[in-house]
């Protein structure tokens, strides 16, 4: 299955467009099509190898945003997931985020350590 994302090809490298292959879905897998995603401070630490050696190329982006397409298998989780998404939409439950410039990531991390703000 073809996938696309932004990848750091080497440690500390800038993110660049990247296309790669994923294994085929198994009976207990779920496929999500994400139109765009965000990164968090953990992703930045991983790309910088600040927590130890990492595998590259690396496609960070642990925060799911934007348009989604969900596909399922025999796991039976799609109706429950849709029910949760519908409930959130009906009750205006949204994620609480603060959008920051990438150059502010280190300061945001310091604020997280100081419990001044909650970042994911």
N, C-alpha and C. Protein backbone atom coordinates (compact mmCIF):
# COMPACT_ATOMS: atom_id res chain seq x y z
N UNK A 1 0.85 -1.16 0.00
CA UNK A 1 0.00 0.00 0.00
C UNK A 1 0.91 1.24 0.00
N UNK A 2 0.70 2.13 -0.96
CA UNK A 2 1.51 3.34 -1.04
C UNK A 2 1.04 4.34 0.01
N UNK A 3 2.01 5.04 0.61
CA UNK A 3 1.72 6.08 1.59
C UNK A 3 2.64 7.27 1.32
N UNK A 4 2.18 8.44 1.69
CA UNK A 4 2.98 9.65 1.52
C UNK A 4 3.02 10.41 2.83
N UNK A 5 4.09 11.13 3.03
CA UNK A 5 4.23 11.96 4.22
C UNK A 5 5.43 12.86 4.08
N UNK A 6 5.74 13.55 5.16
CA UNK A 6 6.95 14.35 5.22
C UNK A 6 7.92 13.59 6.11
N UNK A 7 9.14 13.40 5.64
CA UNK A 7 10.10 12.58 6.37
C UNK A 7 11.39 13.34 6.62
N UNK A 8 12.01 13.02 7.76
CA UNK A 8 13.39 13.40 8.01
C UNK A 8 14.20 12.22 7.48
N UNK A 9 15.02 12.46 6.48
CA UNK A 9 15.78 11.38 5.86
C UNK A 9 16.99 10.98 6.70
N UNK A 10 17.50 11.91 7.48
CA UNK A 10 18.64 11.67 8.37
C UNK A 10 18.39 12.42 9.67
N UNK A 11 19.13 12.11 10.74
CA UNK A 11 18.93 12.83 12.00
C UNK A 11 19.09 14.34 11.83
N UNK A 12 18.20 15.08 12.46
CA UNK A 12 18.22 16.55 12.49
C UNK A 12 17.92 17.18 11.12
N UNK A 13 17.53 16.40 10.13
CA UNK A 13 17.24 16.92 8.80
C UNK A 13 15.87 17.59 8.75
N UNK A 14 15.71 18.52 7.82
CA UNK A 14 14.40 19.12 7.58
C UNK A 14 13.47 18.07 6.99
N UNK A 15 12.18 18.25 7.19
CA UNK A 15 11.20 17.32 6.64
C UNK A 15 11.02 17.59 5.15
N UNK A 16 10.99 16.52 4.36
CA UNK A 16 10.81 16.63 2.91
C UNK A 16 9.74 15.64 2.47
N UNK A 17 9.06 15.90 1.34
CA UNK A 17 8.05 14.96 0.84
C UNK A 17 8.67 13.58 0.65
N UNK A 18 7.89 12.55 1.00
CA UNK A 18 8.44 11.19 1.00
C UNK A 18 7.31 10.21 0.69
N UNK A 19 7.56 9.28 -0.21
CA UNK A 19 6.59 8.24 -0.55
C UNK A 19 7.19 6.89 -0.16
N UNK A 20 6.37 6.04 0.45
CA UNK A 20 6.88 4.76 0.92
C UNK A 20 5.77 3.71 0.86
N UNK A 21 6.17 2.45 1.02
CA UNK A 21 5.24 1.32 0.97
C UNK A 21 4.94 0.83 2.38
N UNK A 22 3.69 0.55 2.66
CA UNK A 22 3.27 -0.09 3.91
C UNK A 22 2.83 -1.50 3.56
N UNK A 23 2.89 -2.39 4.53
CA UNK A 23 2.43 -3.76 4.29
C UNK A 23 0.92 -3.74 4.04
N UNK A 24 0.42 -4.77 3.42
CA UNK A 24 -1.02 -4.89 3.19
C UNK A 24 -1.74 -5.05 4.53
N UNK A 25 -2.99 -4.59 4.59
CA UNK A 25 -3.77 -4.69 5.81
C UNK A 25 -4.10 -6.14 6.12
N UNK A 26 -4.03 -6.47 7.39
CA UNK A 26 -4.42 -7.79 7.86
C UNK A 26 -5.85 -7.77 8.36
N UNK A 27 -6.32 -8.91 8.81
CA UNK A 27 -7.71 -9.06 9.25
C UNK A 27 -8.04 -8.19 10.45
N UNK A 28 -7.07 -7.84 11.25
CA UNK A 28 -7.34 -7.06 12.46
C UNK A 28 -6.76 -5.65 12.39
N UNK A 29 -6.52 -5.15 11.19
CA UNK A 29 -5.97 -3.82 10.98
C UNK A 29 -7.06 -2.82 10.64
N UNK A 30 -6.75 -1.56 10.85
CA UNK A 30 -7.62 -0.45 10.45
C UNK A 30 -6.76 0.51 9.65
N UNK A 31 -7.28 1.03 8.55
CA UNK A 31 -6.57 2.02 7.73
C UNK A 31 -7.22 3.37 7.93
N UNK A 32 -6.41 4.38 8.18
CA UNK A 32 -6.88 5.76 8.29
C UNK A 32 -6.25 6.56 7.17
N UNK A 33 -7.04 7.35 6.48
CA UNK A 33 -6.49 8.26 5.48
C UNK A 33 -6.56 9.65 6.10
N UNK A 34 -5.41 10.24 6.37
CA UNK A 34 -5.33 11.54 7.01
C UNK A 34 -4.92 12.57 5.96
N UNK A 35 -5.68 13.64 5.85
CA UNK A 35 -5.36 14.67 4.87
C UNK A 35 -4.19 15.52 5.33
N UNK A 36 -4.09 15.78 6.62
CA UNK A 36 -2.95 16.49 7.18
C UNK A 36 -2.84 16.17 8.66
N UNK A 37 -1.64 16.31 9.19
CA UNK A 37 -1.37 15.95 10.59
C UNK A 37 -0.42 16.98 11.18
N UNK A 38 -0.31 16.94 12.49
CA UNK A 38 0.61 17.83 13.18
C UNK A 38 1.70 17.03 13.86
N UNK A 39 2.71 17.73 14.32
CA UNK A 39 3.76 17.07 15.08
C UNK A 39 3.78 17.65 16.48
N UNK A 40 4.29 16.90 17.42
CA UNK A 40 4.40 17.37 18.80
C UNK A 40 5.87 17.35 19.20
N UNK A 41 6.12 17.79 20.41
CA UNK A 41 7.52 17.88 20.85
C UNK A 41 8.19 16.51 20.85
N UNK A 42 7.44 15.45 21.09
CA UNK A 42 8.04 14.11 21.06
C UNK A 42 8.57 13.78 19.67
N UNK A 43 7.84 14.19 18.64
CA UNK A 43 8.31 13.97 17.26
C UNK A 43 9.63 14.70 17.02
N UNK A 44 9.71 15.92 17.52
CA UNK A 44 10.93 16.72 17.33
C UNK A 44 12.12 16.04 18.02
N UNK A 45 11.90 15.55 19.24
CA UNK A 45 12.98 14.86 19.96
C UNK A 45 13.42 13.62 19.20
N UNK A 46 12.46 12.91 18.62
CA UNK A 46 12.80 11.69 17.87
C UNK A 46 13.65 12.02 16.65
N UNK A 47 13.25 13.04 15.89
CA UNK A 47 14.00 13.42 14.69
C UNK A 47 15.41 13.88 15.06
N UNK A 48 15.53 14.54 16.19
CA UNK A 48 16.85 15.02 16.63
C UNK A 48 17.68 13.92 17.32
N UNK A 49 17.09 12.76 17.50
CA UNK A 49 17.72 11.65 18.22
C UNK A 49 18.15 12.04 19.62
N UNK A 50 17.33 12.86 20.27
CA UNK A 50 17.65 13.29 21.63
C UNK A 50 17.30 12.22 22.66
N UNK A 51 16.56 11.21 22.28
CA UNK A 51 16.20 10.13 23.20
C UNK A 51 16.90 8.83 22.81
N UNK A 52 17.93 8.94 22.00
CA UNK A 52 18.67 7.76 21.58
C UNK A 52 18.57 7.57 20.08
N UNK A 53 19.30 6.57 19.57
CA UNK A 53 19.31 6.32 18.13
C UNK A 53 17.91 6.04 17.58
N UNK A 54 17.66 6.51 16.39
CA UNK A 54 16.36 6.32 15.74
C UNK A 54 16.56 5.72 14.36
N UNK A 55 15.47 5.27 13.78
CA UNK A 55 15.50 4.67 12.44
C UNK A 55 15.07 5.73 11.43
N UNK A 56 15.87 5.90 10.38
CA UNK A 56 15.58 6.87 9.33
C UNK A 56 15.51 6.16 8.00
N UNK A 57 14.71 6.67 7.07
CA UNK A 57 13.91 7.87 7.16
C UNK A 57 12.79 7.73 8.20
N UNK A 58 12.42 8.86 8.80
CA UNK A 58 11.38 8.91 9.82
C UNK A 58 10.28 9.85 9.37
N UNK A 59 9.04 9.39 9.47
CA UNK A 59 7.88 10.21 9.13
C UNK A 59 7.17 10.55 10.44
N UNK A 60 7.50 11.71 11.04
CA UNK A 60 6.83 12.09 12.29
C UNK A 60 5.43 12.61 12.00
N UNK A 61 4.65 12.75 13.01
CA UNK A 61 3.30 13.28 12.84
C UNK A 61 2.31 12.49 13.66
N UNK A 62 2.46 12.54 14.96
CA UNK A 62 1.60 11.73 15.82
C UNK A 62 0.25 12.36 16.10
N UNK A 63 0.08 13.62 15.76
CA UNK A 63 -1.20 14.28 16.02
C UNK A 63 -2.07 14.20 14.78
N UNK A 64 -3.23 13.60 14.91
CA UNK A 64 -4.13 13.45 13.76
C UNK A 64 -5.03 14.66 13.67
N UNK A 65 -5.09 15.28 12.51
CA UNK A 65 -5.90 16.46 12.26
C UNK A 65 -6.60 16.30 10.93
N UNK A 66 -7.34 17.30 10.56
CA UNK A 66 -7.85 17.38 9.20
C UNK A 66 -8.89 16.36 8.83
N UNK A 67 -9.06 16.19 7.53
CA UNK A 67 -10.04 15.24 7.02
C UNK A 67 -9.54 13.82 7.23
N UNK A 68 -10.46 12.90 7.49
CA UNK A 68 -10.09 11.51 7.73
C UNK A 68 -10.95 10.58 6.90
N UNK A 69 -10.41 9.44 6.57
CA UNK A 69 -11.19 8.36 5.99
C UNK A 69 -10.81 7.12 6.77
N UNK A 70 -11.80 6.44 7.31
CA UNK A 70 -11.54 5.27 8.14
C UNK A 70 -12.02 4.03 7.40
N UNK A 71 -11.19 3.01 7.38
CA UNK A 71 -11.57 1.72 6.81
C UNK A 71 -11.24 0.64 7.82
N UNK A 72 -12.04 -0.38 7.88
CA UNK A 72 -11.82 -1.38 8.91
C UNK A 72 -11.72 -2.78 8.36
N UNK A 73 -11.71 -3.71 9.30
CA UNK A 73 -11.61 -5.12 8.95
C UNK A 73 -12.50 -5.89 9.91
N UNK A 74 -12.04 -7.03 10.36
CA UNK A 74 -12.84 -7.87 11.26
C UNK A 74 -12.77 -7.41 12.71
N UNK A 75 -12.16 -6.27 13.00
CA UNK A 75 -12.03 -5.84 14.39
C UNK A 75 -13.35 -5.35 14.96
N UNK A 76 -14.29 -4.93 14.12
CA UNK A 76 -15.59 -4.50 14.61
C UNK A 76 -15.57 -3.14 15.29
N UNK A 77 -14.51 -2.36 15.10
CA UNK A 77 -14.40 -1.09 15.81
C UNK A 77 -14.93 0.11 15.06
N UNK A 78 -15.24 0.00 13.79
CA UNK A 78 -15.65 1.16 13.01
C UNK A 78 -16.98 1.74 13.50
N UNK A 79 -18.02 0.94 13.77
CA UNK A 79 -19.27 1.54 14.27
C UNK A 79 -19.07 2.27 15.60
N UNK A 80 -18.25 1.71 16.47
CA UNK A 80 -18.00 2.36 17.75
C UNK A 80 -17.22 3.66 17.56
N UNK A 81 -16.26 3.64 16.66
CA UNK A 81 -15.50 4.85 16.37
C UNK A 81 -16.41 5.92 15.78
N UNK A 82 -17.28 5.53 14.85
CA UNK A 82 -18.20 6.49 14.25
C UNK A 82 -19.15 7.05 15.30
N UNK A 83 -19.61 6.20 16.20
CA UNK A 83 -20.49 6.65 17.28
C UNK A 83 -19.79 7.71 18.14
N UNK A 84 -18.52 7.48 18.47
CA UNK A 84 -17.77 8.43 19.27
C UNK A 84 -17.59 9.75 18.51
N UNK A 85 -17.25 9.67 17.20
CA UNK A 85 -17.07 10.89 16.40
C UNK A 85 -18.39 11.65 16.29
N UNK A 86 -19.49 10.95 16.09
CA UNK A 86 -20.81 11.59 16.01
C UNK A 86 -21.15 12.28 17.32
N UNK A 87 -20.88 11.60 18.45
CA UNK A 87 -21.15 12.18 19.77
C UNK A 87 -20.35 13.47 19.96
N UNK A 88 -19.05 13.42 19.60
CA UNK A 88 -18.20 14.60 19.73
C UNK A 88 -18.72 15.74 18.86
N UNK A 89 -19.13 15.43 17.63
CA UNK A 89 -19.67 16.46 16.75
C UNK A 89 -20.96 17.05 17.28
N UNK A 90 -21.85 16.21 17.77
CA UNK A 90 -23.15 16.66 18.31
C UNK A 90 -22.97 17.57 19.51
N UNK A 91 -21.98 17.28 20.35
CA UNK A 91 -21.77 18.02 21.58
C UNK A 91 -20.62 19.02 21.50
N UNK A 92 -20.17 19.30 20.29
CA UNK A 92 -19.10 20.27 20.04
C UNK A 92 -17.86 19.98 20.88
N UNK A 93 -17.51 18.72 20.99
CA UNK A 93 -16.30 18.33 21.70
C UNK A 93 -15.16 18.34 20.70
N UNK A 94 -14.20 19.20 20.93
CA UNK A 94 -13.07 19.34 20.02
C UNK A 94 -11.78 19.27 20.82
N UNK A 95 -10.68 19.06 20.14
CA UNK A 95 -9.40 19.05 20.82
C UNK A 95 -8.99 20.48 21.14
N UNK A 96 -8.29 20.65 22.24
CA UNK A 96 -7.79 21.95 22.67
C UNK A 96 -6.34 22.03 22.24
N UNK A 97 -6.06 22.87 21.25
CA UNK A 97 -4.71 22.94 20.71
C UNK A 97 -4.20 24.37 20.72
N UNK A 98 -2.91 24.50 20.67
CA UNK A 98 -2.26 25.78 20.47
C UNK A 98 -1.33 25.59 19.29
N UNK A 99 -1.53 26.32 18.23
CA UNK A 99 -0.68 26.22 17.05
C UNK A 99 0.52 27.12 17.26
N UNK A 100 1.71 26.55 17.09
CA UNK A 100 2.94 27.32 17.28
C UNK A 100 3.82 27.17 16.06
N UNK A 101 4.71 28.11 15.88
CA UNK A 101 5.71 28.04 14.84
C UNK A 101 6.76 27.01 15.23
N UNK A 102 7.33 26.32 14.27
CA UNK A 102 8.34 25.30 14.56
C UNK A 102 9.52 25.87 15.33
N UNK A 103 9.84 27.14 15.10
CA UNK A 103 10.97 27.75 15.81
C UNK A 103 10.70 27.92 17.30
N UNK A 104 9.44 27.76 17.71
CA UNK A 104 9.05 27.91 19.11
C UNK A 104 9.03 26.56 19.85
N UNK A 105 9.36 25.48 19.18
CA UNK A 105 9.23 24.13 19.76
C UNK A 105 10.03 23.96 21.04
N UNK A 106 11.27 24.46 21.06
CA UNK A 106 12.08 24.30 22.27
C UNK A 106 11.48 25.06 23.45
N UNK A 107 11.00 26.27 23.20
CA UNK A 107 10.37 27.05 24.27
C UNK A 107 9.08 26.36 24.73
N UNK A 108 8.31 25.81 23.81
CA UNK A 108 7.09 25.09 24.17
C UNK A 108 7.42 23.89 25.05
N UNK A 109 8.49 23.20 24.72
CA UNK A 109 8.91 22.05 25.54
C UNK A 109 9.29 22.52 26.94
N UNK A 110 10.04 23.62 27.05
CA UNK A 110 10.41 24.16 28.36
C UNK A 110 9.16 24.52 29.17
N UNK A 111 8.17 25.09 28.50
CA UNK A 111 6.92 25.44 29.20
C UNK A 111 6.19 24.19 29.67
N UNK A 112 6.26 23.10 28.89
CA UNK A 112 5.63 21.85 29.29
C UNK A 112 6.31 21.30 30.55
N UNK A 113 7.63 21.29 30.57
CA UNK A 113 8.38 20.80 31.73
C UNK A 113 8.03 21.63 32.97
N UNK A 114 7.85 22.92 32.78
CA UNK A 114 7.53 23.81 33.90
C UNK A 114 6.06 23.78 34.28
N UNK A 115 5.26 22.95 33.60
CA UNK A 115 3.80 22.86 33.82
C UNK A 115 3.11 24.20 33.60
N UNK A 116 3.69 25.03 32.76
CA UNK A 116 3.09 26.31 32.42
C UNK A 116 1.97 26.16 31.42
N UNK A 117 2.01 25.08 30.64
CA UNK A 117 1.01 24.82 29.62
C UNK A 117 1.03 23.32 29.34
N UNK A 118 -0.05 22.80 28.80
CA UNK A 118 -0.10 21.37 28.49
C UNK A 118 -0.04 21.18 26.98
N UNK A 119 1.07 20.67 26.49
CA UNK A 119 1.20 20.27 25.10
C UNK A 119 1.16 18.75 25.07
N UNK A 120 0.76 18.18 23.95
CA UNK A 120 0.83 16.73 23.80
C UNK A 120 2.17 16.36 23.27
